[in-house]
Amino acid sequence: MTDNSEDSFYAIKQQVEASIAAQPIPAPEKPAKLPLQQILFMPELFQHRLPKEWDSERHVATLKRVVTGGDTLEPLTVFWTGNGWTCIDGHHRAAAYEVAGFNDEVPVSVFGGTLDHAIAHAAETNSRDKLPMKPEEKTHAAWRLTIGTALSINDIHKATTVAKSRISDMRKVHKHIVEKHGEDYASTLRWKDAWNIWKGNHKDDEVGSDDWVEREAQKLAERLTKKFGSELGRNAEITWRALEIYSPNMVGQICGYLGVQWDDPEELEF
C-alpha cells in the first residue's frame, strides 16, 4: 500500500533544494512583516498533520475571533525557498487571517536553518494557538524526517517527541526496505506499511510496533485497575502529582508526548 502524498513530499523537497541553490536568500532581507498574499504555502512539505477537516475548521474559527477583534496572532514562521518566503509554521493562523478578511501585513519570523531543519521545525512547533499534533501524526512526522532528511535521532526526537527507540527502529526498517526494494519504493511508504513489510521478514521482532505498544498498555491498565480500582480517576491533580513524585523523568516524557510544557501547569487541564 502506498500514499501519493509521500510522493509529493519527496518531489517538492527536491524542487525546493534546487530552487534554494539557484536563488539564495537575498541578504540582508529578513522581514518582520509581509503581506499575506506574498507568503507561499507548501503544506505537502511543511504540514505534518494528517487530514482532519473538522478539527482544522474549528481551530481556524477560534483564531478568526482574535483577528476579527483587531488583534494579530503570533508571527508566522517563514523560510526562504528560493522563489519567496514560505510558511513553515502557522498554516491555521494564515487561514484565520484569510477568513477574517485581514488586509494588513501580518507578523512573521524568519527561520534561518537548513531545509532539513525547517521541515523538522514545522513538526516541532506546538505553540498554544496551534492545533496539537496527535500521537499518530507525530509518528508520521518522525518517519518522514527519518527517511527524508539527514537529521540525527536526537533532532528527530526533539522535533516530534517520538521515542528514540522508535526512531531507531524506523532507521532499521528503512534500511531494510531500501536494500530489498530500493529508495524510490521506500519513499512512498507510510510508517505502518513499512513496519508491516519488516514484520513480514522478521516475524519474531515485534517490540516497538503499534500493536505491541497497545498490548503492553492494556496489560498495564489491567494491573492498575486491579491495584487501584477507580481511585486514580477520582482526582486527576493528585494522580498527576503522585506520578511526578514517583518518576519526574516519566512525567516530563508524558508532557513531551502530549506536546505541552511540563513547567507550565496552565497547559494541563484537569
Protein backbone atom coordinates (compact mmCIF):
# COMPACT_ATOMS: atom_id res chain seq x y z
CA MET A 1 0.00 0.00 0.00
CA THR A 2 1.41 3.40 -0.93
CA ASP A 3 0.43 7.01 -0.34
CA ASN A 4 0.71 9.51 -3.16
CA SER A 5 1.09 12.38 -0.68
CA GLU A 6 4.50 10.98 0.22
CA ASP A 7 5.48 11.10 -3.47
CA SER A 8 4.64 14.82 -3.37
CA PHE A 9 6.72 15.31 -0.23
CA TYR A 10 9.91 14.00 -1.85
CA ALA A 11 9.30 15.59 -5.22
CA ILE A 12 8.65 19.01 -3.67
CA LYS A 13 11.66 18.69 -1.35
CA GLN A 14 13.94 18.07 -4.35
CA GLN A 15 12.43 21.05 -6.20
CA VAL A 16 12.93 23.33 -3.21
CA GLU A 17 16.53 22.19 -2.75
CA ALA A 18 17.23 23.10 -6.38
CA SER A 19 15.39 26.42 -6.05
CA ILE A 20 17.36 27.43 -2.94
CA ALA A 21 20.64 26.53 -4.62
CA ALA A 22 19.74 28.63 -7.67
CA GLN A 23 18.33 31.60 -5.74
CA PRO A 24 19.90 32.06 -2.27
CA ILE A 25 18.23 34.31 0.27
CA PRO A 26 18.65 37.97 -0.71
CA ALA A 27 20.77 39.28 2.19
CA PRO A 28 20.13 41.19 4.36
CA GLU A 29 16.42 40.65 3.66
CA LYS A 30 14.75 39.37 6.85
CA PRO A 31 11.25 40.83 7.04
CA ALA A 32 9.30 41.26 10.27
CA LYS A 33 6.00 41.64 8.38
CA LEU A 34 4.73 40.50 4.99
CA PRO A 35 1.51 40.84 3.00
CA LEU A 36 -0.33 37.55 3.36
CA GLN A 37 -0.70 37.37 -0.43
CA GLN A 38 3.11 37.28 -0.82
CA ILE A 39 3.63 34.31 1.52
CA LEU A 40 3.94 30.93 -0.18
CA PHE A 41 2.45 27.73 1.24
CA MET A 42 3.73 24.18 0.76
CA PRO A 43 1.62 22.03 3.12
CA GLU A 44 2.87 18.86 1.40
CA LEU A 45 6.34 19.68 2.73
CA PHE A 46 5.79 21.60 5.94
CA GLN A 47 2.42 20.42 7.25
CA HIS A 48 2.91 17.07 9.02
CA ARG A 49 -0.60 16.71 10.37
CA LEU A 50 -2.84 14.09 8.81
CA PRO A 51 -6.08 15.42 7.26
CA LYS A 52 -8.86 16.06 9.81
CA GLU A 53 -11.01 18.74 8.29
CA TRP A 54 -13.47 19.25 11.14
CA ASP A 55 -10.78 19.89 13.76
CA SER A 56 -8.98 22.30 11.44
CA GLU A 57 -12.12 24.31 10.68
CA ARG A 58 -12.97 24.60 14.37
CA HIS A 59 -9.44 25.73 15.20
CA VAL A 60 -9.41 28.34 12.41
CA ALA A 61 -12.76 29.66 13.66
CA THR A 62 -11.25 30.12 17.15
CA LEU A 63 -8.29 32.05 15.75
CA LYS A 64 -10.56 34.12 13.49
CA ARG A 65 -12.27 35.62 16.54
CA VAL A 66 -8.94 37.05 17.67
CA VAL A 67 -8.22 38.57 14.25
CA THR A 68 -11.77 39.94 13.88
CA GLY A 69 -11.30 41.67 17.21
CA GLY A 70 -8.45 43.67 15.70
CA ASP A 71 -5.50 41.76 17.12
CA THR A 72 -2.79 39.87 15.27
CA LEU A 73 -1.71 36.34 16.11
CA GLU A 74 1.75 35.02 16.88
CA PRO A 75 4.12 35.51 13.91
CA LEU A 76 4.02 33.01 11.09
CA THR A 77 7.40 31.32 10.73
CA VAL A 78 8.69 31.68 7.18
CA PHE A 79 11.64 30.13 5.36
CA TRP A 80 13.33 31.19 2.14
CA THR A 81 12.63 28.56 -0.53
CA GLY A 82 14.32 30.23 -3.49
CA ASN A 83 11.37 31.95 -5.11
CA GLY A 84 9.91 33.55 -1.99
CA TRP A 85 9.12 33.27 1.70
CA THR A 86 7.24 30.08 2.54
CA CYS A 87 5.19 29.45 5.68
CA ILE A 88 6.62 26.54 7.67
CA ASP A 89 4.64 27.14 10.86
CA GLY A 90 1.28 28.90 11.20
CA HIS A 91 -0.95 27.44 8.49
CA HIS A 92 -4.07 27.74 10.67
CA ARG A 93 -3.14 31.31 11.66
CA ALA A 94 -2.78 32.21 7.98
CA ALA A 95 -6.17 30.65 7.24
CA ALA A 96 -7.71 32.68 10.07
CA TYR A 97 -6.32 35.92 8.61
CA GLU A 98 -7.74 35.00 5.21
CA VAL A 99 -11.18 34.04 6.50
CA ALA A 100 -11.34 37.23 8.58
CA GLY A 101 -10.52 39.35 5.52
CA PHE A 102 -7.38 40.75 7.15
CA ASN A 103 -5.76 43.10 4.60
CA ASP A 104 -2.77 44.46 6.51
CA GLU A 105 0.68 42.91 6.66
CA VAL A 106 0.97 40.00 9.07
CA PRO A 107 3.86 39.49 11.52
CA VAL A 108 6.44 36.89 10.51
CA SER A 109 9.56 35.36 11.98
CA VAL A 110 12.34 34.15 9.67
CA PHE A 111 13.72 30.64 10.22
CA GLY A 112 17.39 30.65 9.29
CA GLY A 113 18.38 26.98 9.38
CA THR A 114 18.72 24.39 6.63
CA LEU A 115 15.81 22.93 4.70
CA ASP A 116 16.01 19.71 6.73
CA HIS A 117 15.87 21.69 9.95
CA ALA A 118 13.00 23.80 8.59
CA ILE A 119 10.99 20.62 7.96
CA ALA A 120 11.82 19.44 11.49
CA HIS A 121 10.87 22.83 12.93
CA ALA A 122 7.46 22.52 11.30
CA ALA A 123 6.92 19.30 13.25
CA GLU A 124 8.40 20.61 16.49
CA THR A 125 6.46 23.81 16.98
CA ASN A 126 3.35 23.34 19.07
CA SER A 127 2.52 26.80 20.40
CA ARG A 128 -0.70 27.40 22.30
CA ASP A 129 -2.64 28.81 19.35
CA LYS A 130 -1.94 25.74 17.25
CA LEU A 131 -3.87 22.53 16.79
CA PRO A 132 -1.83 19.96 18.75
CA MET A 133 -0.43 17.01 16.85
CA LYS A 134 -1.91 13.66 17.78
CA PRO A 135 0.34 10.64 18.50
CA GLU A 136 -0.18 9.09 15.06
CA GLU A 137 0.74 12.41 13.45
CA LYS A 138 3.93 12.63 15.48
CA THR A 139 4.83 9.13 14.33
CA HIS A 140 4.05 10.14 10.75
CA ALA A 141 6.30 13.18 11.07
CA ALA A 142 9.11 11.16 12.66
CA TRP A 143 9.01 8.67 9.79
CA ARG A 144 9.12 11.49 7.23
CA LEU A 145 12.10 13.08 8.95
CA THR A 146 13.87 9.73 9.31
CA ILE A 147 13.69 8.78 5.64
CA GLY A 148 13.62 12.24 4.07
CA THR A 149 16.30 14.19 5.94
CA ALA A 150 19.80 13.77 7.33
CA LEU A 151 18.74 14.75 10.86
CA SER A 152 20.07 12.83 13.85
CA ILE A 153 17.91 10.63 16.08
CA ASN A 154 18.16 13.31 18.79
CA ASP A 155 16.98 16.04 16.40
CA ILE A 156 14.01 13.96 15.23
CA HIS A 157 13.11 13.10 18.82
CA LYS A 158 13.22 16.79 19.76
CA ALA A 159 11.05 17.72 16.79
CA THR A 160 8.38 15.06 17.28
CA THR A 161 8.76 13.71 20.87
CA VAL A 162 8.65 10.22 19.38
CA ALA A 163 10.81 7.85 21.44
CA LYS A 164 14.41 7.49 20.31
CA SER A 165 13.99 3.72 20.31
CA ARG A 166 11.10 4.02 17.83
CA ILE A 167 13.14 6.34 15.61
CA SER A 168 15.99 3.81 15.74
CA ASP A 169 13.51 1.15 14.62
CA MET A 170 12.47 3.43 11.75
CA ARG A 171 16.06 3.71 10.59
CA LYS A 172 16.45 -0.05 10.74
CA VAL A 173 13.22 -0.65 8.83
CA HIS A 174 14.05 1.99 6.21
CA LYS A 175 17.48 0.47 5.59
CA HIS A 176 15.94 -2.98 5.18
CA ILE A 177 13.34 -1.79 2.67
CA VAL A 178 15.88 0.23 0.67
CA GLU A 179 18.12 -2.84 0.45
CA LYS A 180 15.23 -5.07 -0.63
CA HIS A 181 13.13 -2.74 -2.78
CA GLY A 182 15.10 0.45 -3.45
CA GLU A 183 14.95 4.05 -2.23
CA ASP A 184 12.13 5.11 -4.58
CA TYR A 185 9.79 2.44 -3.21
CA ALA A 186 10.74 3.14 0.41
CA SER A 187 9.98 6.83 -0.04
CA THR A 188 6.32 6.10 -0.91
CA LEU A 189 5.54 4.18 2.29
CA ARG A 190 3.89 5.33 5.46
CA TRP A 191 5.34 4.00 8.72
CA LYS A 192 2.66 1.34 9.32
CA ASP A 193 3.10 -0.03 5.81
CA ALA A 194 6.88 -0.06 6.20
CA TRP A 195 6.61 -1.78 9.57
CA ASN A 196 4.29 -4.45 8.13
CA ILE A 197 6.87 -5.18 5.43
CA TRP A 198 9.53 -5.50 8.12
CA LYS A 199 7.34 -7.81 10.20
CA GLY A 200 6.78 -10.00 7.16
CA ASN A 201 10.51 -10.67 7.12
CA HIS A 202 11.13 -10.55 10.89
CA LYS A 203 8.11 -12.21 12.45
CA ASP A 204 9.70 -12.53 15.89
CA ASP A 205 10.72 -8.88 16.14
CA GLU A 206 7.58 -7.01 17.20
CA VAL A 207 8.92 -4.88 20.04
CA GLY A 208 8.21 -1.23 19.33
CA SER A 209 5.31 -1.76 16.91
CA ASP A 210 1.98 -0.01 17.43
CA ASP A 211 0.34 -3.38 18.13
CA TRP A 212 2.97 -4.24 20.74
CA VAL A 213 2.56 -0.86 22.47
CA GLU A 214 -1.22 -1.32 22.58
CA ARG A 215 -0.93 -4.85 24.04
CA GLU A 216 1.53 -3.75 26.73
CA ALA A 217 -0.61 -0.72 27.58
CA GLN A 218 -3.67 -2.94 28.01
CA LYS A 219 -1.72 -5.21 30.38
CA LEU A 220 -0.56 -2.26 32.47
CA ALA A 221 -4.09 -0.80 32.56
CA GLU A 222 -5.43 -4.11 33.85
CA ARG A 223 -2.80 -4.22 36.62
CA LEU A 224 -3.60 -0.62 37.61
CA THR A 225 -7.32 -1.42 37.76
CA LYS A 226 -6.74 -4.46 39.97
CA LYS A 227 -4.48 -2.48 42.29
CA PHE A 228 -6.26 0.87 42.49
CA GLY A 229 -9.76 0.36 41.11
CA SER A 230 -11.26 3.79 40.34
CA GLU A 231 -9.00 5.65 42.79
CA LEU A 232 -6.68 7.09 40.13
CA GLY A 233 -9.61 8.71 38.32
CA ARG A 234 -11.12 10.47 41.31
CA ASN A 235 -8.73 13.42 41.38
CA ALA A 236 -6.53 13.90 38.32
CA GLU A 237 -4.38 16.54 40.02
CA ILE A 238 -3.49 14.23 42.91
CA THR A 239 -2.75 11.39 40.49
CA TRP A 240 -0.54 13.66 38.39
CA ARG A 241 1.36 14.89 41.47
CA ALA A 242 1.83 11.28 42.61
CA LEU A 243 3.30 10.41 39.21
CA GLU A 244 5.60 13.44 39.44
CA ILE A 245 6.88 12.24 42.83
CA TYR A 246 7.18 8.66 41.59
CA SER A 247 9.14 9.49 38.42
CA PRO A 248 9.89 13.08 37.37
CA ASN A 249 11.57 11.84 34.19
CA MET A 250 8.47 9.91 33.16
CA VAL A 251 6.24 12.93 33.78
CA GLY A 252 8.50 15.02 31.54
CA GLN A 253 8.29 12.38 28.83
CA ILE A 254 4.48 12.27 29.08
CA CYS A 255 4.33 16.05 28.69
CA GLY A 256 6.58 15.83 25.65
CA TYR A 257 4.33 13.13 24.20
CA LEU A 258 1.30 15.39 24.71
CA GLY A 259 3.10 18.42 23.28
CA VAL A 260 2.86 20.58 26.44
CA GLN A 261 5.46 22.19 28.69
CA TRP A 262 5.98 20.35 31.98
CA ASP A 263 6.84 23.62 33.78
CA ASP A 264 3.64 25.34 32.64
CA PRO A 265 0.71 23.99 34.70
CA GLU A 266 -1.77 26.12 32.75
CA GLU A 267 -1.18 23.85 29.76
CA LEU A 268 -2.58 20.90 31.73
CA GLU A 269 -6.34 20.93 32.23
CA PHE A 270 -7.50 18.62 34.99
